[in-house]
Amino acid sequence: MRCWDPRIEEMPVADLQKLQFKLLKTIVYRVYSFSPFYHKRMKDAGVHPDDINSLEDIVKLPFMYKKDLRDTYPDGLIMSEQEELVRYHVSSGTTGKPTVVGYTRNDINNWTESLARGLTSAGLGHGDVIQVSYGYGLFTGGLGLHYGAERIGATVLPTSIGNTERQIELMQDLRVTAIACTPSYLLHMGEVAEKMGVSIKKDTFLRKAIVGAEPWSEQMRSRIRESLEVDAYDIYGTSELSGPLFCECECQQGFHVWSDLIYPEILDPDTQEPLPPGERGELVVTMLQKDALPIIRYRTGDITAIKDDPCPCGRTHPRLERLSGRVDDMLIIRGINVFPSQIEHALLGIPEVAEHFMIEVDRKGALDDMLVRVELAREAFSDKISDLMRIRRHVEKVLKGSLNVQVSVELTEPGTLPRFEGKAKRVIDKRLI
């Protein structure tokens, strides 16, 4: 299996840990010495760079939160001089002030190098035509994948999002072999193609997809494979860390996190205590080589687990398991924790329903009530009330068994629920209105 940089990707674990510690010490000294924010945060926590004598000592360092980025808007946390910056990216700011991330040339190079490793591990390279259907501009997805694809010698088709019919035409005409987009948009493209009389399976060269920016399940991977004959690979990153950074290799057993660029921790979200490999909790990230905007112990809010067992691909870097959601996306229904990804996982195991669904949560009296609207698969659509009632009861039974809480189900006709070009927005919580 190909590696982009075998020297780093196959480095012995002991050597990687030595490198990590060296990089950690360097960045801790740097921020303590030159960042007023980190200096004060560390002083308040009673920790000095000299207290960091092993990787395990990272737990002595204080956390960083998204609120810190918003409170210091626009550039209070950026440490590089203005003339050293080559780019800004800005988050949407839909839940508050936007977050601004600056990049030096070295930051862009590390970001691109990370994606070059990841895309190569997914089996892509010179000779591939990669259609980038993530948004370009302030969002990091489009430009991140664009630079990474060019670095590995692929030809890039920068379609961005929208104008789906035109994207499908270009996919055919330019013999696209891989696409980067959200999983929900990929399935939407399949539906649009079908309406155009185009089969993604038979009428295009598409064989691989790099999909992320929203949680998705193994059942979604299977649905993509069955309906489009495309192998889907998970990718992970956040705008605060740089953008999309880490991708699944061809073994598809979690996305490799490059130990020379990142130190990941998994914490119990409630106790903030570290969790061992294999246990799911909140991902906390320290970026080990970040010039403009250093990131130390950043609470991402993403729920996952670390896998440190050897990967069959031969890469020695640890992997993160598929995200099961975010701490702030978790719904508490009658005392039960529910993630939208659990609902997707359950629904995609039911052949009578499609992959599109919406969740509506309300409070009736003292009790929470959850309604899941689900599209019927075209082949299961019927005008017989008895057939629809049978499917609805089956879906409710499956969801109750999966979630441990009673759920109401409403079946909708094929093609009636919203489609999303960017991140899917599947939850309406009327308790917050």
Protein backbone atom coordinates (compact mmCIF):
# COMPACT_ATOMS: atom_id res chain seq x y z
CA MET A 1 0.00 0.00 0.00
CA ARG A 2 1.42 3.35 -1.06
CA CYS A 3 2.64 5.97 1.42
CA TRP A 4 3.15 9.61 0.57
CA ASP A 5 6.01 9.93 3.09
CA PRO A 6 7.09 6.46 4.32
CA ARG A 7 9.76 7.93 6.59
CA ILE A 8 7.10 9.64 8.72
CA GLU A 9 4.08 7.41 8.13
CA GLU A 10 5.93 4.19 9.03
CA MET A 11 8.15 5.65 11.77
CA PRO A 12 8.42 3.40 14.86
CA VAL A 13 5.97 4.42 17.58
CA ALA A 14 8.72 5.10 20.13
CA ASP A 15 10.41 7.51 17.71
CA LEU A 16 7.10 9.23 16.98
CA GLN A 17 6.50 9.78 20.69
CA LYS A 18 9.98 11.27 21.12
CA LEU A 19 9.26 13.63 18.23
CA GLN A 20 5.88 14.54 19.72
CA PHE A 21 7.42 15.40 23.08
CA LYS A 22 10.07 17.58 21.46
CA LEU A 23 7.43 19.45 19.46
CA LEU A 24 5.16 19.79 22.51
CA LYS A 25 7.93 21.31 24.63
CA THR A 26 8.75 23.74 21.83
CA ILE A 27 5.21 25.00 21.34
CA VAL A 28 4.50 25.25 25.08
CA TYR A 29 7.60 27.40 25.61
CA ARG A 30 6.66 29.51 22.60
CA VAL A 31 3.12 30.31 23.69
CA TYR A 32 4.13 30.88 27.32
CA SER A 33 6.78 33.34 26.19
CA PHE A 34 4.99 35.19 23.39
CA SER A 35 1.20 34.75 23.73
CA PRO A 36 -0.48 36.95 26.39
CA PHE A 37 -3.53 34.68 26.24
CA TYR A 38 -1.66 31.42 26.87
CA HIS A 39 0.73 33.01 29.37
CA LYS A 40 -2.17 34.18 31.53
CA ARG A 41 -4.09 30.91 31.09
CA MET A 42 -1.04 28.88 32.17
CA LYS A 43 -0.24 31.22 35.07
CA ASP A 44 -3.83 30.96 36.29
CA ALA A 45 -3.56 27.16 36.10
CA GLY A 46 -0.29 27.21 38.04
CA VAL A 47 1.72 25.50 35.29
CA HIS A 48 5.09 26.46 33.76
CA PRO A 49 6.73 24.99 30.63
CA ASP A 50 9.34 23.39 32.90
CA ASP A 51 6.53 21.28 34.41
CA ILE A 52 6.06 19.44 31.11
CA ASN A 53 8.56 16.58 31.34
CA SER A 54 6.69 13.89 29.40
CA LEU A 55 3.78 13.56 26.99
CA GLU A 56 1.61 12.47 29.92
CA ASP A 57 2.21 15.87 31.55
CA ILE A 58 0.04 17.47 28.87
CA VAL A 59 -2.90 17.02 31.28
CA LYS A 60 -1.35 19.78 33.42
CA LEU A 61 -2.02 22.32 30.67
CA PRO A 62 -5.32 24.25 30.63
CA PHE A 63 -8.01 23.66 28.03
CA MET A 64 -8.80 25.92 25.11
CA TYR A 65 -12.40 26.44 24.01
CA LYS A 66 -14.18 27.78 20.94
CA LYS A 67 -15.40 30.61 23.18
CA ASP A 68 -11.77 31.73 23.52
CA LEU A 69 -11.58 32.24 19.76
CA ARG A 70 -14.82 34.21 19.74
CA ASP A 71 -13.90 36.30 22.79
CA THR A 72 -10.63 37.37 21.13
CA TYR A 73 -12.24 38.11 17.73
CA PRO A 74 -10.91 38.89 15.22
CA ASP A 75 -7.22 38.08 15.69
CA GLY A 76 -6.39 38.25 19.39
CA LEU A 77 -4.92 34.73 19.42
CA ILE A 78 -2.86 35.03 16.24
CA MET A 79 0.84 35.06 17.13
CA SER A 80 2.45 35.64 13.74
CA GLU A 81 3.14 39.11 12.39
CA GLN A 82 0.78 40.40 9.71
CA GLU A 83 3.45 40.16 7.00
CA GLU A 84 3.94 36.46 7.82
CA LEU A 85 0.27 35.60 7.17
CA VAL A 86 -0.69 34.31 3.74
CA ARG A 87 -4.39 33.53 4.32
CA TYR A 88 -7.40 33.83 6.62
CA HIS A 89 -10.32 31.43 6.91
CA VAL A 90 -13.44 32.38 8.86
CA SER A 91 -16.15 30.14 10.32
CA SER A 92 -19.82 30.83 9.63
CA GLY A 93 -20.52 32.33 13.05
CA THR A 94 -24.08 30.92 13.02
CA THR A 95 -23.99 30.33 16.79
CA GLY A 96 -22.11 33.48 17.76
CA LYS A 97 -19.20 35.53 16.55
CA PRO A 98 -17.24 33.87 13.75
CA THR A 99 -13.81 32.43 14.43
CA VAL A 100 -10.88 33.72 12.41
CA VAL A 101 -7.92 31.45 11.66
CA GLY A 102 -4.72 32.85 10.17
CA TYR A 103 -2.15 30.80 8.26
CA THR A 104 1.53 31.23 7.56
CA ARG A 105 3.14 29.60 4.56
CA ASN A 106 4.37 26.83 6.87
CA ASP A 107 0.83 26.29 8.19
CA ILE A 108 -0.50 25.89 4.64
CA ASN A 109 2.33 23.48 3.79
CA ASN A 110 1.65 21.29 6.85
CA TRP A 111 -2.07 21.29 6.11
CA THR A 112 -1.44 20.31 2.51
CA GLU A 113 1.10 17.67 3.51
CA SER A 114 -1.40 16.12 5.92
CA LEU A 115 -4.00 15.82 3.17
CA ALA A 116 -1.43 14.51 0.69
CA ARG A 117 -0.71 11.64 3.10
CA GLY A 118 -4.41 11.03 3.66
CA LEU A 119 -5.46 11.09 0.01
CA THR A 120 -2.57 8.81 -0.91
CA SER A 121 -3.57 6.39 1.86
CA ALA A 122 -7.07 6.28 0.31
CA GLY A 123 -5.52 5.09 -2.94
CA LEU A 124 -5.58 8.38 -4.86
CA GLY A 125 -2.71 9.96 -6.74
CA HIS A 126 -1.27 10.93 -10.10
CA GLY A 127 -3.74 10.18 -12.88
CA ASP A 128 -6.87 10.73 -10.78
CA VAL A 129 -9.33 13.51 -11.55
CA ILE A 130 -10.73 14.74 -8.23
CA GLN A 131 -13.90 16.83 -8.20
CA VAL A 132 -13.95 19.09 -5.13
CA SER A 133 -17.59 19.73 -4.27
CA TYR A 134 -16.99 21.31 -0.88
CA GLY A 135 -17.51 25.05 -0.55
CA TYR A 136 -14.63 27.32 -1.49
CA GLY A 137 -13.85 30.66 0.12
CA LEU A 138 -14.08 31.28 3.86
CA PHE A 139 -14.99 27.61 4.47
CA THR A 140 -11.85 25.47 4.68
CA GLY A 141 -13.11 22.34 2.92
CA GLY A 142 -12.78 23.35 -0.72
CA LEU A 143 -9.34 24.94 -0.68
CA GLY A 144 -7.98 22.33 1.74
CA LEU A 145 -8.88 19.39 -0.50
CA HIS A 146 -7.87 21.38 -3.58
CA TYR A 147 -4.31 21.93 -2.38
CA GLY A 148 -3.98 18.36 -1.09
CA ALA A 149 -5.19 16.88 -4.39
CA GLU A 150 -2.79 19.01 -6.40
CA ARG A 151 0.08 18.04 -4.09
CA ILE A 152 -0.36 14.33 -4.90
CA GLY A 153 -0.35 15.02 -8.63
CA ALA A 154 -4.08 14.63 -9.25
CA THR A 155 -6.08 16.84 -11.61
CA VAL A 156 -8.55 19.02 -9.70
CA LEU A 157 -12.04 19.99 -10.84
CA PRO A 158 -13.04 22.82 -8.44
CA THR A 159 -16.82 22.70 -8.77
CA SER A 160 -17.59 23.89 -5.22
CA ILE A 161 -21.25 23.40 -4.21
CA GLY A 162 -24.49 23.92 -6.10
CA ASN A 163 -25.47 23.69 -9.79
CA THR A 164 -25.72 19.92 -9.36
CA GLU A 165 -26.78 19.04 -12.90
CA ARG A 166 -23.77 20.89 -14.31
CA GLN A 167 -21.53 19.07 -11.83
CA ILE A 168 -22.82 15.73 -13.06
CA GLU A 169 -22.23 16.71 -16.69
CA LEU A 170 -18.66 17.72 -15.89
CA MET A 171 -18.16 14.51 -13.91
CA GLN A 172 -19.00 12.59 -17.07
CA ASP A 173 -17.23 14.78 -19.61
CA LEU A 174 -13.96 15.15 -17.69
CA ARG A 175 -13.83 11.52 -16.54
CA VAL A 176 -13.81 12.28 -12.81
CA THR A 177 -12.50 9.34 -10.75
CA ALA A 178 -12.99 10.74 -7.22
CA ILE A 179 -15.11 13.34 -5.49
CA ALA A 180 -14.79 15.26 -2.21
CA CYS A 181 -18.07 16.42 -0.67
CA THR A 182 -20.49 15.77 2.19
CA PRO A 183 -22.09 12.30 2.22
CA SER A 184 -25.59 13.78 2.02
CA TYR A 185 -24.65 15.81 -1.06
CA LEU A 186 -23.14 12.75 -2.73
CA LEU A 187 -26.40 10.84 -2.34
CA HIS A 188 -28.30 13.90 -3.56
CA MET A 189 -26.11 13.94 -6.67
CA GLY A 190 -27.07 10.33 -7.26
CA GLU A 191 -30.76 11.27 -7.13
CA VAL A 192 -30.29 14.23 -9.48
CA ALA A 193 -28.28 12.08 -11.88
CA GLU A 194 -31.08 9.52 -11.94
CA LYS A 195 -33.61 12.23 -12.87
CA MET A 196 -31.24 13.29 -15.68
CA GLY A 197 -31.14 9.73 -16.98
CA VAL A 198 -27.53 9.33 -15.86
CA SER A 199 -26.23 6.36 -13.88
CA ILE A 200 -23.29 7.18 -11.61
CA LYS A 201 -22.48 3.44 -11.71
CA LYS A 202 -22.54 2.99 -15.48
CA ASP A 203 -22.13 6.42 -17.06
CA THR A 204 -19.22 7.86 -15.04
CA PHE A 205 -15.70 6.85 -13.99
CA LEU A 206 -16.35 7.79 -10.35
CA ARG A 207 -14.93 5.14 -7.99
CA LYS A 208 -13.98 6.91 -4.73
CA ALA A 209 -15.39 9.64 -2.52
CA ILE A 210 -13.74 11.59 0.29
CA VAL A 211 -16.71 12.53 2.43
CA GLY A 212 -16.96 14.43 5.70
CA ALA A 213 -18.06 17.72 7.33
CA GLU A 214 -20.98 15.88 8.98
CA PRO A 215 -21.24 12.65 11.02
CA TRP A 216 -22.14 9.59 8.94
CA SER A 217 -22.41 5.89 9.58
CA GLU A 218 -21.18 2.56 8.22
CA GLN A 219 -24.71 2.03 6.93
CA MET A 220 -24.34 5.24 4.92
CA ARG A 221 -21.07 3.87 3.49
CA SER A 222 -22.89 0.70 2.46
CA ARG A 223 -25.76 2.69 0.95
CA ILE A 224 -23.31 4.78 -1.11
CA ARG A 225 -21.53 1.64 -2.26
CA GLU A 226 -24.75 -0.13 -3.22
CA SER A 227 -26.48 2.79 -4.95
CA LEU A 228 -23.48 4.41 -6.66
CA GLU A 229 -20.74 1.74 -6.65
CA VAL A 230 -18.43 4.30 -5.03
CA ASP A 231 -16.10 3.57 -2.10
CA ALA A 232 -16.53 6.28 0.54
CA TYR A 233 -13.65 7.35 2.80
CA ASP A 234 -14.12 9.36 5.97
CA ILE A 235 -12.20 12.62 6.45
CA TYR A 236 -11.92 14.76 9.57
CA GLY A 237 -10.88 18.25 10.54
CA THR A 238 -12.23 21.51 11.92
CA SER A 239 -11.63 25.09 10.87
CA GLU A 240 -9.86 25.83 14.16
CA LEU A 241 -7.29 23.06 13.57
CA SER A 242 -6.72 24.15 9.92
CA GLY A 243 -9.53 22.45 8.06
CA PRO A 244 -9.85 18.87 6.78
CA LEU A 245 -6.70 17.06 7.92
CA PHE A 246 -7.04 13.30 8.41
CA CYS A 247 -8.44 10.63 6.09
CA GLU A 248 -9.14 6.92 6.23
CA CYS A 249 -6.68 4.66 4.48
CA GLU A 250 -7.85 1.89 2.14
CA CYS A 251 -8.36 -0.40 5.16
CA GLN A 252 -11.18 1.93 6.29
CA GLN A 253 -10.62 1.27 9.99
CA GLY A 254 -10.54 4.87 11.22
CA PHE A 255 -8.71 7.96 10.05
CA HIS A 256 -4.99 8.18 10.78
CA VAL A 257 -3.98 11.21 12.83
CA TRP A 258 -0.42 12.21 12.03
CA SER A 259 1.58 12.18 15.25
CA ASP A 260 4.09 14.76 14.03
CA LEU A 261 1.26 17.28 13.58
CA ILE A 262 -1.22 16.50 16.35
CA TYR A 263 -1.48 15.06 19.85
CA PRO A 264 -5.02 13.74 20.47
CA GLU A 265 -6.65 12.99 23.82
CA ILE A 266 -10.04 11.45 24.60
CA LEU A 267 -11.72 12.76 27.74
CA ASP A 268 -14.86 11.91 29.62
CA PRO A 269 -16.99 15.00 28.79
CA ASP A 270 -18.37 15.16 32.33
CA THR A 271 -15.36 14.35 34.53
CA GLN A 272 -12.72 15.64 32.08
CA GLU A 273 -10.61 12.60 32.95
CA PRO A 274 -8.56 10.90 30.20
CA LEU A 275 -10.06 7.74 28.71
CA PRO A 276 -8.01 4.76 27.48
CA PRO A 277 -7.86 3.66 23.82
CA GLY A 278 -11.15 2.19 22.63
CA GLU A 279 -13.41 4.20 24.96
CA ARG A 280 -15.50 6.94 23.40
CA GLY A 281 -15.38 10.47 24.70
CA GLU A 282 -14.66 14.04 23.66
CA LEU A 283 -11.71 14.63 21.35
CA VAL A 284 -9.19 17.15 22.68
CA VAL A 285 -6.48 18.26 20.27
CA THR A 286 -3.06 19.86 20.55
CA MET A 287 -1.55 21.00 17.26
CA LEU A 288 2.20 20.43 17.44
CA GLN A 289 3.23 22.52 14.44
CA LYS A 290 1.05 25.59 14.14
CA ASP A 291 2.62 29.00 13.64
CA ALA A 292 -0.10 31.60 13.31
CA LEU A 293 -2.75 30.23 15.67
CA PRO A 294 -1.33 27.73 18.19
CA ILE A 295 -3.87 25.24 19.50
CA ILE A 296 -3.23 23.53 22.86
CA ARG A 297 -5.75 21.12 24.41
CA TYR A 298 -8.65 22.37 22.30
CA ARG A 299 -12.04 20.91 23.26
CA THR A 300 -13.43 19.99 19.83
CA GLY A 301 -16.78 18.73 21.12
CA ASP A 302 -16.54 15.71 18.78
CA ILE A 303 -17.26 12.25 20.19
CA THR A 304 -14.88 9.49 19.11
CA ALA A 305 -12.27 7.02 20.39
CA ILE A 306 -8.57 6.43 19.73
CA LYS A 307 -7.39 3.16 18.19
CA ASP A 308 -3.71 2.46 18.83
CA ASP A 309 -3.59 -1.14 17.60
CA PRO A 310 -1.52 -1.69 14.42
CA CYS A 311 -3.32 -0.82 11.19
CA PRO A 312 -3.08 -3.45 8.43
CA CYS A 313 -1.82 -0.72 6.08
CA GLY A 314 1.47 -0.55 8.01
CA ARG A 315 1.18 3.09 9.08
CA THR A 316 2.20 3.47 12.71
CA HIS A 317 0.14 6.54 13.58
CA PRO A 318 -2.97 6.10 15.76
CA ARG A 319 -6.46 6.30 14.31
CA LEU A 320 -9.67 7.93 15.39
CA GLU A 321 -12.89 5.98 15.15
CA ARG A 322 -15.84 7.30 13.21
CA LEU A 323 -17.46 10.29 14.93
CA SER A 324 -20.71 9.44 16.67
CA GLY A 325 -21.71 13.09 16.96
CA ARG A 326 -20.87 16.17 18.96
CA VAL A 327 -21.31 16.91 22.63
CA ASP A 328 -23.47 19.93 21.70
CA ASP A 329 -25.45 17.91 19.10
CA MET A 330 -26.54 15.38 21.69
CA LEU A 331 -30.26 15.39 22.39
CA ILE A 332 -31.50 14.41 25.84
CA ILE A 333 -34.93 12.81 25.44
CA ARG A 334 -36.59 11.79 28.70
CA GLY A 335 -33.19 11.36 30.31
CA ILE A 336 -31.72 9.32 27.42
CA ASN A 337 -28.79 10.60 25.37
CA VAL A 338 -29.56 10.46 21.64
CA PHE A 339 -27.27 11.38 18.73
CA PRO A 340 -28.59 11.98 15.18
CA SER A 341 -25.97 9.52 13.90
CA GLN A 342 -27.65 6.75 15.95
CA ILE A 343 -30.89 7.44 14.14
CA GLU A 344 -29.15 7.36 10.76
CA HIS A 345 -27.45 4.09 11.71
CA ALA A 346 -30.79 2.49 12.57
CA LEU A 347 -32.71 3.83 9.57
CA LEU A 348 -30.18 2.74 6.97
CA GLY A 349 -30.63 -0.84 8.12
CA ILE A 350 -34.29 -0.70 7.01
CA PRO A 351 -34.62 -1.33 3.25
CA GLU A 352 -38.08 0.30 2.99
CA VAL A 353 -36.79 3.77 3.87
CA ALA A 354 -34.36 6.15 2.16
CA GLU A 355 -31.38 7.87 3.76
CA HIS A 356 -33.12 11.24 4.20
CA PHE A 357 -34.66 12.09 7.58
CA MET A 358 -35.43 15.02 9.86
CA ILE A 359 -35.75 15.10 13.66
CA GLU A 360 -38.21 17.34 15.47
CA VAL A 361 -38.08 17.58 19.25
CA ASP A 362 -40.80 19.26 21.32
CA ARG A 363 -42.07 19.19 24.88
CA LYS A 364 -45.64 18.15 25.51
CA GLY A 365 -46.52 18.93 29.09
CA ALA A 366 -43.65 17.70 31.23
CA LEU A 367 -42.40 15.13 28.72
CA ASP A 368 -40.08 15.42 25.73
CA ASP A 369 -41.43 14.14 22.43
CA MET A 370 -39.33 13.24 19.39
CA LEU A 371 -40.74 12.93 15.89
CA VAL A 372 -38.60 11.45 13.10
CA ARG A 373 -39.72 12.22 9.56
CA VAL A 374 -38.41 9.58 7.16
CA GLU A 375 -38.60 9.35 3.39
CA LEU A 376 -39.83 6.10 1.94
CA ALA A 377 -37.66 4.34 -0.61
CA ARG A 378 -39.20 4.64 -4.07
CA GLU A 379 -39.69 0.91 -4.41
CA ALA A 380 -41.50 0.79 -1.04
CA PHE A 381 -43.88 3.67 -1.74
CA SER A 382 -47.49 2.49 -1.76
CA ASP A 383 -50.96 3.97 -1.77
CA LYS A 384 -52.17 1.25 0.57
CA ILE A 385 -52.65 2.59 4.08
CA SER A 386 -52.05 -0.87 5.57
CA ASP A 387 -48.60 -1.08 3.93
CA LEU A 388 -47.60 2.35 5.18
CA MET A 389 -48.81 1.62 8.72
CA ARG A 390 -46.83 -1.64 8.75
CA ILE A 391 -43.62 0.16 7.68
CA ARG A 392 -44.19 2.97 10.18
CA ARG A 393 -44.66 0.53 13.06
CA HIS A 394 -41.52 -1.35 12.02
CA VAL A 395 -39.45 1.84 11.88
CA GLU A 396 -40.72 2.92 15.31
CA LYS A 397 -39.83 -0.48 16.74
CA VAL A 398 -36.31 -0.38 15.28
CA LEU A 399 -35.70 3.15 16.56
CA LYS A 400 -36.98 2.34 20.04
CA GLY A 401 -34.72 -0.70 20.20
CA SER A 402 -31.72 1.32 19.05
CA LEU A 403 -32.31 4.48 21.13
CA ASN A 404 -34.03 3.07 24.24
CA VAL A 405 -36.68 5.75 24.01
CA GLN A 406 -40.12 5.92 22.35
CA VAL A 407 -40.05 7.75 19.00
CA SER A 408 -42.91 8.83 16.77
CA VAL A 409 -42.37 8.29 13.04
CA GLU A 410 -43.90 10.12 10.10
CA LEU A 411 -43.35 8.64 6.64
CA THR A 412 -43.02 11.05 3.73
CA GLU A 413 -43.07 10.57 -0.03
CA PRO A 414 -39.75 10.11 -1.87
CA GLY A 415 -38.03 13.41 -2.67
CA THR A 416 -39.96 15.57 -0.18
CA LEU A 417 -37.45 16.20 2.64
CA PRO A 418 -34.76 18.90 2.31
CA ARG A 419 -31.46 18.14 0.56
CA PHE A 420 -28.25 19.82 1.65
CA GLU A 421 -25.26 20.90 -0.43
CA GLY A 422 -23.18 21.67 2.64
CA LYS A 423 -23.52 20.21 6.13
CA ALA A 424 -26.86 18.51 6.67
CA LYS A 425 -29.11 20.22 9.25
CA ARG A 426 -31.41 17.46 10.45
CA VAL A 427 -32.59 18.62 13.91
CA ILE A 428 -35.31 21.09 14.85
CA ASP A 429 -35.44 21.43 18.63
CA LYS A 430 -38.58 23.39 19.46
CA ARG A 431 -37.71 23.24 23.16
CA LEU A 432 -35.11 25.93 22.45
CA ILE A 433 -37.48 28.24 20.57
